[in-house]
Structures are given as C-alpha cells and as structure tokens.
Amino acid sequence: MTLKDVVKWKTRMSVVYAAGVWAVIGSYAYFKYTGSLDGPPVKKGEVQEPEDPNQVVYETAHCKTIVMYKKDFVPYTTRIYNFIKSFSGDSGSGDDAK
C-alpha cells in the first residue's frame, strides 16, 4: 500500500465511524423525543403474601403463575453439589451425623 491508499482508507473509515455515531445520537434523540425510550408505564400494586410458604405466585400483565413446592424441596443443583462434595471425604458431609 502506498501512502495515498492509507490516507484514502483512513478517510473512508472516518466517514463510516462518523455516520455510525450520528446514527446512534439521532436514534437516541428520536426515541427520547417520542417518549418510546421510557417504556410502558409500570403498575405499582400491593404484593399479596401467599398463605402457604411453599407457594410462590408470579404475576404479569398477561398471566398469573402459581408454583407449589414440596414441603422439604431441595433444588437439583444443591443435590448435585452435595453429591460431588461427598467424594471429597469431608468429615462434615452429613451422612454420619444421622
């Protein structure tokens, strides 16, 4: 590459970079002006505590989901962690304390 080619390449890339920056600034200004940047209004309602502590309620604008856990539920990740931890030979692994 000659020096002229390098200068042309640098000029072209500067134009591309400037166009990108102005596109981002223009998009931000457009969304700020139209109010789309703020998002939809959020309802702030009272959170109802479930009667059962093993019941979790997830509620959105479109659906309501109720998840009920067993009484002594242990997540699978904790079970796998405890299983792998039992191979380390720790004295406090919990099996001999029964």
C-alpha atoms as a PDB file:
ATOM      1  CA  MET A   1       0.000   0.000   0.000  1.00  0.00           C
ATOM      2  CA  THR A   2       1.174   3.440  -0.777  1.00  0.00           C
ATOM      3  CA  LEU A   3       0.750   6.470   1.413  1.00  0.00           C
ATOM      4  CA  LYS A   4      -2.173   7.715  -0.714  1.00  0.00           C
ATOM      5  CA  ASP A   5      -4.008   4.407  -0.222  1.00  0.00           C
ATOM      6  CA  VAL A   6      -3.580   4.643   3.535  1.00  0.00           C
ATOM      7  CA  VAL A   7      -4.932   8.189   3.594  1.00  0.00           C
ATOM      8  CA  LYS A   8      -7.957   7.163   1.451  1.00  0.00           C
ATOM      9  CA  TRP A   9      -8.652   4.187   3.723  1.00  0.00           C
ATOM     10  CA  LYS A  10      -8.397   6.353   6.834  1.00  0.00           C
ATOM     11  CA  THR A  11     -10.756   8.954   5.333  1.00  0.00           C
ATOM     12  CA  ARG A  12     -13.330   6.310   4.376  1.00  0.00           C
ATOM     13  CA  MET A  13     -13.246   4.691   7.789  1.00  0.00           C
ATOM     14  CA  SER A  14     -13.607   8.096   9.463  1.00  0.00           C
ATOM     15  CA  VAL A  15     -16.740   8.744   7.405  1.00  0.00           C
ATOM     16  CA  VAL A  16     -18.173   5.330   8.316  1.00  0.00           C
ATOM     17  CA  TYR A  17     -17.412   5.884  12.008  1.00  0.00           C
ATOM     18  CA  ALA A  18     -18.941   9.393  11.955  1.00  0.00           C
ATOM     19  CA  ALA A  19     -22.096   8.082  10.244  1.00  0.00           C
ATOM     20  CA  GLY A  20     -22.442   5.407  12.914  1.00  0.00           C
ATOM     21  CA  VAL A  21     -22.013   7.873  15.759  1.00  0.00           C
ATOM     22  CA  TRP A  22     -24.561  10.267  14.279  1.00  0.00           C
ATOM     23  CA  ALA A  23     -26.987   7.386  13.716  1.00  0.00           C
ATOM     24  CA  VAL A  24     -26.757   6.440  17.396  1.00  0.00           C
ATOM     25  CA  ILE A  25     -27.182  10.035  18.540  1.00  0.00           C
ATOM     26  CA  GLY A  26     -30.107  10.537  16.136  1.00  0.00           C
ATOM     27  CA  SER A  27     -31.820   7.352  17.298  1.00  0.00           C
ATOM     28  CA  TYR A  28     -31.451   8.359  20.932  1.00  0.00           C
ATOM     29  CA  ALA A  29     -32.847  11.831  20.231  1.00  0.00           C
ATOM     30  CA  TYR A  30     -35.788  10.381  18.242  1.00  0.00           C
ATOM     31  CA  PHE A  31     -36.750   7.879  20.935  1.00  0.00           C
ATOM     32  CA  LYS A  32     -36.322  10.458  23.684  1.00  0.00           C
ATOM     33  CA  TYR A  33     -38.484  12.958  21.754  1.00  0.00           C
ATOM     34  CA  THR A  34     -41.273  10.451  21.023  1.00  0.00           C
ATOM     35  CA  GLY A  35     -41.248   9.050  24.556  1.00  0.00           C
ATOM     36  CA  SER A  36     -40.551   5.467  23.465  1.00  0.00           C
ATOM     37  CA  LEU A  37     -37.323   5.391  25.457  1.00  0.00           C
ATOM     38  CA  ASP A  38     -39.131   5.453  28.809  1.00  0.00           C
ATOM     39  CA  GLY A  39     -41.026   2.228  28.149  1.00  0.00           C
ATOM     40  CA  PRO A  40     -44.569   1.392  29.134  1.00  0.00           C
ATOM     41  CA  PRO A  41     -45.911   2.647  32.445  1.00  0.00           C
ATOM     42  CA  VAL A  42     -45.496   0.205  35.303  1.00  0.00           C
ATOM     43  CA  LYS A  43     -48.352  -0.540  37.676  1.00  0.00           C
ATOM     44  CA  LYS A  44     -47.400  -0.472  41.318  1.00  0.00           C
ATOM     45  CA  GLY A  45     -49.818  -2.661  43.152  1.00  0.00           C
ATOM     46  CA  GLU A  46     -49.818  -4.284  46.524  1.00  0.00           C
ATOM     47  CA  VAL A  47     -47.981  -7.584  46.770  1.00  0.00           C
ATOM     48  CA  GLN A  48     -50.112 -10.288  48.277  1.00  0.00           C
ATOM     49  CA  GLU A  49     -48.359 -12.686  50.593  1.00  0.00           C
ATOM     50  CA  PRO A  50     -49.396 -16.277  49.920  1.00  0.00           C
ATOM     51  CA  GLU A  51     -50.937 -18.223  52.759  1.00  0.00           C
ATOM     52  CA  ASP A  52     -48.721 -21.214  52.123  1.00  0.00           C
ATOM     53  CA  PRO A  53     -44.941 -20.520  52.388  1.00  0.00           C
ATOM     54  CA  ASN A  54     -44.314 -23.327  49.858  1.00  0.00           C
ATOM     55  CA  GLN A  55     -46.348 -21.471  47.229  1.00  0.00           C
ATOM     56  CA  VAL A  56     -44.855 -18.765  45.006  1.00  0.00           C
ATOM     57  CA  VAL A  57     -47.037 -16.568  42.779  1.00  0.00           C
ATOM     58  CA  TYR A  58     -45.576 -14.935  39.643  1.00  0.00           C
ATOM     59  CA  GLU A  59     -47.985 -12.416  38.165  1.00  0.00           C
ATOM     60  CA  THR A  60     -47.533 -10.380  34.996  1.00  0.00           C
ATOM     61  CA  ALA A  61     -49.915  -8.246  32.980  1.00  0.00           C
ATOM     62  CA  HIS A  62     -50.922 -11.233  30.857  1.00  0.00           C
ATOM     63  CA  CYS A  63     -50.812 -14.263  33.125  1.00  0.00           C
ATOM     64  CA  LYS A  64     -50.652 -15.499  36.685  1.00  0.00           C
ATOM     65  CA  THR A  65     -48.489 -18.493  37.557  1.00  0.00           C
ATOM     66  CA  ILE A  66     -48.581 -20.334  40.860  1.00  0.00           C
ATOM     67  CA  VAL A  67     -45.672 -22.640  41.705  1.00  0.00           C
ATOM     68  CA  MET A  68     -46.104 -25.041  44.606  1.00  0.00           C
ATOM     69  CA  TYR A  69     -43.031 -26.676  46.135  1.00  0.00           C
ATOM     70  CA  LYS A  70     -42.977 -29.847  48.189  1.00  0.00           C
ATOM     71  CA  LYS A  71     -42.521 -29.423  51.926  1.00  0.00           C
ATOM     72  CA  ASP A  72     -38.828 -30.393  52.080  1.00  0.00           C
ATOM     73  CA  PHE A  73     -37.907 -29.471  48.497  1.00  0.00           C
ATOM     74  CA  VAL A  74     -34.189 -29.402  47.653  1.00  0.00           C
ATOM     75  CA  PRO A  75     -33.206 -28.000  44.235  1.00  0.00           C
ATOM     76  CA  TYR A  76     -31.397 -30.329  41.833  1.00  0.00           C
ATOM     77  CA  THR A  77     -28.341 -28.073  41.750  1.00  0.00           C
ATOM     78  CA  THR A  78     -27.962 -28.408  45.521  1.00  0.00           C
ATOM     79  CA  ARG A  79     -28.387 -32.176  45.293  1.00  0.00           C
ATOM     80  CA  ILE A  80     -25.680 -32.451  42.632  1.00  0.00           C
ATOM     81  CA  TYR A  81     -23.378 -30.166  44.635  1.00  0.00           C
ATOM     82  CA  ASN A  82     -23.837 -32.251  47.791  1.00  0.00           C
ATOM     83  CA  PHE A  83     -23.256 -35.480  45.831  1.00  0.00           C
ATOM     84  CA  ILE A  84     -19.972 -34.211  44.372  1.00  0.00           C
ATOM     85  CA  LYS A  85     -18.972 -32.752  47.735  1.00  0.00           C
ATOM     86  CA  SER A  86     -19.422 -36.189  49.353  1.00  0.00           C
ATOM     87  CA  PHE A  87     -16.471 -37.527  47.311  1.00  0.00           C
ATOM     88  CA  SER A  88     -14.058 -35.046  48.904  1.00  0.00           C
ATOM     89  CA  GLY A  89     -14.076 -37.008  52.162  1.00  0.00           C
ATOM     90  CA  ASP A  90     -15.010 -34.052  54.319  1.00  0.00           C
ATOM     91  CA  SER A  91     -15.813 -35.087  57.879  1.00  0.00           C
ATOM     92  CA  GLY A  92     -18.801 -32.745  57.853  1.00  0.00           C
ATOM     93  CA  SER A  93     -20.519 -34.194  54.809  1.00  0.00           C
ATOM     94  CA  GLY A  94     -23.619 -35.002  56.876  1.00  0.00           C
ATOM     95  CA  ASP A  95     -24.066 -38.762  56.316  1.00  0.00           C
ATOM     96  CA  ASP A  96     -22.534 -39.902  59.607  1.00  0.00           C
ATOM     97  CA  ALA A  97     -24.482 -37.372  61.718  1.00  0.00           C
ATOM     98  CA  LYS A  98     -27.788 -39.260  61.425  1.00  0.00           C
END
